[in-house]
């Protein structure tokens, strides 16, 4: 993987993390917030 692709992938990861955080913060109900946090934690292992 070349340097440009690494930077691009890192930006995509950061954008995804921000989107998930924003979704958690604006969740309509506590149960939805909990579900989003669970999904984010499960996906975090796949991101690394």
PDB file of N, CA and C in Angstrom:
ATOM      1  N   UNK A   1       0.851  -1.171   0.000  1.00  0.00           N
ATOM      2  CA  UNK A   1       0.000   0.000   0.000  1.00  0.00           C
ATOM      3  C   UNK A   1       0.897   1.233   0.000  1.00  0.00           C
ATOM      4  N   UNK A   2       0.641   2.130  -0.922  1.00  0.00           N
ATOM      5  CA  UNK A   2       1.508   3.301  -0.997  1.00  0.00           C
ATOM      6  C   UNK A   2       1.103   4.360   0.022  1.00  0.00           C
ATOM      7  N   UNK A   3       1.891   5.368   0.140  1.00  0.00           N
ATOM      8  CA  UNK A   3       1.700   6.399   1.159  1.00  0.00           C
ATOM      9  C   UNK A   3       0.374   7.133   0.990  1.00  0.00           C
ATOM     10  N   UNK A   4       0.014   7.467  -0.229  1.00  0.00           N
ATOM     11  CA  UNK A   4      -1.240   8.183  -0.481  1.00  0.00           C
ATOM     12  C   UNK A   4      -2.434   7.339  -0.060  1.00  0.00           C
ATOM     13  N   UNK A   5      -2.397   6.070  -0.352  1.00  0.00           N
ATOM     14  CA  UNK A   5      -3.495   5.181   0.022  1.00  0.00           C
ATOM     15  C   UNK A   5      -3.611   5.062   1.535  1.00  0.00           C
ATOM     16  N   UNK A   6      -2.483   5.055   2.230  1.00  0.00           N
ATOM     17  CA  UNK A   6      -2.510   4.994   3.694  1.00  0.00           C
ATOM     18  C   UNK A   6      -3.155   6.242   4.277  1.00  0.00           C
ATOM     19  N   UNK A   7      -2.798   7.414   3.754  1.00  0.00           N
ATOM     20  CA  UNK A   7      -3.404   8.657   4.240  1.00  0.00           C
ATOM     21  C   UNK A   7      -4.898   8.678   3.953  1.00  0.00           C
ATOM     22  N   UNK A   8      -5.270   8.239   2.769  1.00  0.00           N
ATOM     23  CA  UNK A   8      -6.679   8.208   2.393  1.00  0.00           C
ATOM     24  C   UNK A   8      -7.458   7.279   3.322  1.00  0.00           C
ATOM     25  N   UNK A   9      -6.912   6.112   3.602  1.00  0.00           N
ATOM     26  CA  UNK A   9      -7.569   5.154   4.488  1.00  0.00           C
ATOM     27  C   UNK A   9      -7.691   5.715   5.901  1.00  0.00           C
ATOM     28  N   UNK A  10      -6.683   6.421   6.345  1.00  0.00           N
ATOM     29  CA  UNK A  10      -6.720   7.014   7.681  1.00  0.00           C
ATOM     30  C   UNK A  10      -7.804   8.093   7.769  1.00  0.00           C
ATOM     31  N   UNK A  11      -7.934   8.882   6.698  1.00  0.00           N
ATOM     32  CA  UNK A  11      -8.990   9.911   6.673  1.00  0.00           C
ATOM     33  C   UNK A  11     -10.372   9.290   6.682  1.00  0.00           C
ATOM     34  N   UNK A  12     -10.528   8.200   5.950  1.00  0.00           N
ATOM     35  CA  UNK A  12     -11.818   7.506   5.915  1.00  0.00           C
ATOM     36  C   UNK A  12     -12.166   6.967   7.301  1.00  0.00           C
ATOM     37  N   UNK A  13     -11.186   6.377   7.977  1.00  0.00           N
ATOM     38  CA  UNK A  13     -11.418   5.871   9.332  1.00  0.00           C
ATOM     39  C   UNK A  13     -11.820   6.988  10.272  1.00  0.00           C
ATOM     40  N   UNK A  14     -11.119   8.118  10.210  1.00  0.00           N
ATOM     41  CA  UNK A  14     -11.442   9.252  11.073  1.00  0.00           C
ATOM     42  C   UNK A  14     -12.849   9.768  10.778  1.00  0.00           C
ATOM     43  N   UNK A  15     -13.192   9.844   9.511  1.00  0.00           N
ATOM     44  CA  UNK A  15     -14.533  10.312   9.128  1.00  0.00           C
ATOM     45  C   UNK A  15     -15.603   9.365   9.660  1.00  0.00           C
ATOM     46  N   UNK A  16     -15.345   8.070   9.576  1.00  0.00           N
ATOM     47  CA  UNK A  16     -16.307   7.083  10.074  1.00  0.00           C
ATOM     48  C   UNK A  16     -16.459   7.173  11.590  1.00  0.00           C
ATOM     49  N   UNK A  17     -15.333   7.333  12.286  1.00  0.00           N
ATOM     50  CA  UNK A  17     -15.406   7.464  13.747  1.00  0.00           C
ATOM     51  C   UNK A  17     -16.204   8.693  14.136  1.00  0.00           C
ATOM     52  N   UNK A  18     -15.980   9.809  13.437  1.00  0.00           N
ATOM     53  CA  UNK A  18     -16.739  11.032  13.737  1.00  0.00           C
ATOM     54  C   UNK A  18     -18.223  10.842  13.477  1.00  0.00           C
ATOM     55  N   UNK A  19     -18.560  10.159  12.398  1.00  0.00           N
ATOM     56  CA  UNK A  19     -19.967   9.924  12.068  1.00  0.00           C
ATOM     57  C   UNK A  19     -20.639   9.044  13.123  1.00  0.00           C
ATOM     58  N   UNK A  20     -19.935   8.014  13.577  1.00  0.00           N
ATOM     59  CA  UNK A  20     -20.494   7.136  14.605  1.00  0.00           C
ATOM     60  C   UNK A  20     -20.668   7.906  15.908  1.00  0.00           C
ATOM     61  N   UNK A  21     -19.690   8.709  16.272  1.00  0.00           N
ATOM     62  CA  UNK A  21     -19.790   9.506  17.490  1.00  0.00           C
ATOM     63  C   UNK A  21     -20.961  10.469  17.406  1.00  0.00           C
ATOM     64  N   UNK A  22     -21.121  11.109  16.269  1.00  0.00           N
ATOM     65  CA  UNK A  22     -22.233  12.048  16.074  1.00  0.00           C
ATOM     66  C   UNK A  22     -23.570  11.312  16.170  1.00  0.00           C
ATOM     67  N   UNK A  23     -23.653  10.124  15.601  1.00  0.00           N
ATOM     68  CA  UNK A  23     -24.888   9.338  15.666  1.00  0.00           C
ATOM     69  C   UNK A  23     -25.215   8.945  17.106  1.00  0.00           C
ATOM     70  N   UNK A  24     -24.186   8.580  17.869  1.00  0.00           N
ATOM     71  CA  UNK A  24     -24.399   8.219  19.276  1.00  0.00           C
ATOM     72  C   UNK A  24     -24.883   9.427  20.065  1.00  0.00           C
ATOM     73  N   UNK A  25     -24.276  10.576  19.823  1.00  0.00           N
ATOM     74  CA  UNK A  25     -24.653  11.780  20.572  1.00  0.00           C
ATOM     75  C   UNK A  25     -26.065  12.249  20.252  1.00  0.00           C
ATOM     76  N   UNK A  26     -26.533  11.990  19.036  1.00  0.00           N
ATOM     77  CA  UNK A  26     -27.845  12.486  18.636  1.00  0.00           C
ATOM     78  C   UNK A  26     -28.905  11.383  18.609  1.00  0.00           C
ATOM     79  N   UNK A  27     -28.619  10.243  19.215  1.00  0.00           N
ATOM     80  CA  UNK A  27     -29.579   9.139  19.236  1.00  0.00           C
ATOM     81  C   UNK A  27     -30.847   9.574  19.971  1.00  0.00           C
ATOM     82  N   UNK A  28     -31.976   9.144  19.453  1.00  0.00           N
ATOM     83  CA  UNK A  28     -33.267   9.579  19.982  1.00  0.00           C
ATOM     84  C   UNK A  28     -33.571   8.974  21.357  1.00  0.00           C
ATOM     85  N   UNK A  29     -33.151   7.755  21.573  1.00  0.00           N
ATOM     86  CA  UNK A  29     -33.464   7.083  22.838  1.00  0.00           C
ATOM     87  C   UNK A  29     -32.199   6.472  23.430  1.00  0.00           C
ATOM     88  N   UNK A  30     -32.209   6.260  24.747  1.00  0.00           N
ATOM     89  CA  UNK A  30     -31.050   5.598  25.372  1.00  0.00           C
ATOM     90  C   UNK A  30     -30.787   4.199  24.817  1.00  0.00           C
ATOM     91  N   UNK A  31     -31.848   3.479  24.472  1.00  0.00           N
ATOM     92  CA  UNK A  31     -31.632   2.136  23.932  1.00  0.00           C
ATOM     93  C   UNK A  31     -30.965   2.198  22.552  1.00  0.00           C
ATOM     94  N   UNK A  32     -31.330   3.184  21.751  1.00  0.00           N
ATOM     95  CA  UNK A  32     -30.682   3.353  20.449  1.00  0.00           C
ATOM     96  C   UNK A  32     -29.216   3.744  20.639  1.00  0.00           C
ATOM     97  N   UNK A  33     -28.948   4.609  21.608  1.00  0.00           N
ATOM     98  CA  UNK A  33     -27.571   5.012  21.913  1.00  0.00           C
ATOM     99  C   UNK A  33     -26.746   3.792  22.317  1.00  0.00           C
ATOM    100  N   UNK A  34     -27.331   2.950  23.166  1.00  0.00           N
ATOM    101  CA  UNK A  34     -26.623   1.751  23.618  1.00  0.00           C
ATOM    102  C   UNK A  34     -26.345   0.815  22.446  1.00  0.00           C
ATOM    103  N   UNK A  35     -27.327   0.653  21.569  1.00  0.00           N
ATOM    104  CA  UNK A  35     -27.156  -0.219  20.405  1.00  0.00           C
ATOM    105  C   UNK A  35     -26.045   0.306  19.496  1.00  0.00           C
ATOM    106  N   UNK A  36     -26.011   1.613  19.267  1.00  0.00           N
ATOM    107  CA  UNK A  36     -24.963   2.203  18.430  1.00  0.00           C
ATOM    108  C   UNK A  36     -23.588   2.038  19.065  1.00  0.00           C
ATOM    109  N   UNK A  37     -23.508   2.198  20.383  1.00  0.00           N
ATOM    110  CA  UNK A  37     -22.219   2.025  21.063  1.00  0.00           C
ATOM    111  C   UNK A  37     -21.743   0.581  20.956  1.00  0.00           C
ATOM    112  N   UNK A  38     -22.676  -0.366  21.061  1.00  0.00           N
ATOM    113  CA  UNK A  38     -22.320  -1.781  20.926  1.00  0.00           C
ATOM    114  C   UNK A  38     -21.798  -2.077  19.525  1.00  0.00           C
ATOM    115  N   UNK A  39     -22.497  -1.565  18.512  1.00  0.00           N
ATOM    116  CA  UNK A  39     -22.042  -1.766  17.135  1.00  0.00           C
ATOM    117  C   UNK A  39     -20.670  -1.136  16.899  1.00  0.00           C
ATOM    118  N   UNK A  40     -20.465   0.061  17.432  1.00  0.00           N
ATOM    119  CA  UNK A  40     -19.180   0.743  17.254  1.00  0.00           C
ATOM    120  C   UNK A  40     -18.049  -0.042  17.912  1.00  0.00           C
ATOM    121  N   UNK A  41     -18.303  -0.590  19.089  1.00  0.00           N
ATOM    122  CA  UNK A  41     -17.273  -1.370  19.772  1.00  0.00           C
ATOM    123  C   UNK A  41     -16.940  -2.638  18.988  1.00  0.00           C
ATOM    124  N   UNK A  42     -17.956  -3.280  18.419  1.00  0.00           N
ATOM    125  CA  UNK A  42     -17.707  -4.484  17.623  1.00  0.00           C
ATOM    126  C   UNK A  42     -16.932  -4.171  16.367  1.00  0.00           C
ATOM    127  N   UNK A  43     -17.232  -3.059  15.727  1.00  0.00           N
ATOM    128  CA  UNK A  43     -16.535  -2.685  14.490  1.00  0.00           C
ATOM    129  C   UNK A  43     -15.136  -2.189  14.757  1.00  0.00           C
ATOM    130  N   UNK A  44     -14.877  -1.653  15.920  1.00  0.00           N
ATOM    131  CA  UNK A  44     -13.564  -1.117  16.248  1.00  0.00           C
ATOM    132  C   UNK A  44     -12.489  -2.197  16.104  1.00  0.00           C
ATOM    133  N   UNK A  45     -12.825  -3.421  16.445  1.00  0.00           N
ATOM    134  CA  UNK A  45     -11.856  -4.513  16.345  1.00  0.00           C
ATOM    135  C   UNK A  45     -11.519  -4.804  14.882  1.00  0.00           C
ATOM    136  N   UNK A  46     -12.484  -4.574  13.999  1.00  0.00           N
ATOM    137  CA  UNK A  46     -12.248  -4.826  12.579  1.00  0.00           C
ATOM    138  C   UNK A  46     -11.473  -3.697  11.919  1.00  0.00           C
ATOM    139  N   UNK A  47     -11.492  -2.503  12.503  1.00  0.00           N
ATOM    140  CA  UNK A  47     -10.822  -1.340  11.902  1.00  0.00           C
ATOM    141  C   UNK A  47      -9.301  -1.418  12.045  1.00  0.00           C
ATOM    142  N   UNK A  48      -8.827  -2.105  13.030  1.00  0.00           N
ATOM    143  CA  UNK A  48      -7.384  -2.124  13.296  1.00  0.00           C
ATOM    144  C   UNK A  48      -6.702  -3.254  12.633  1.00  0.00           C
TER     145      UNK A  48
END
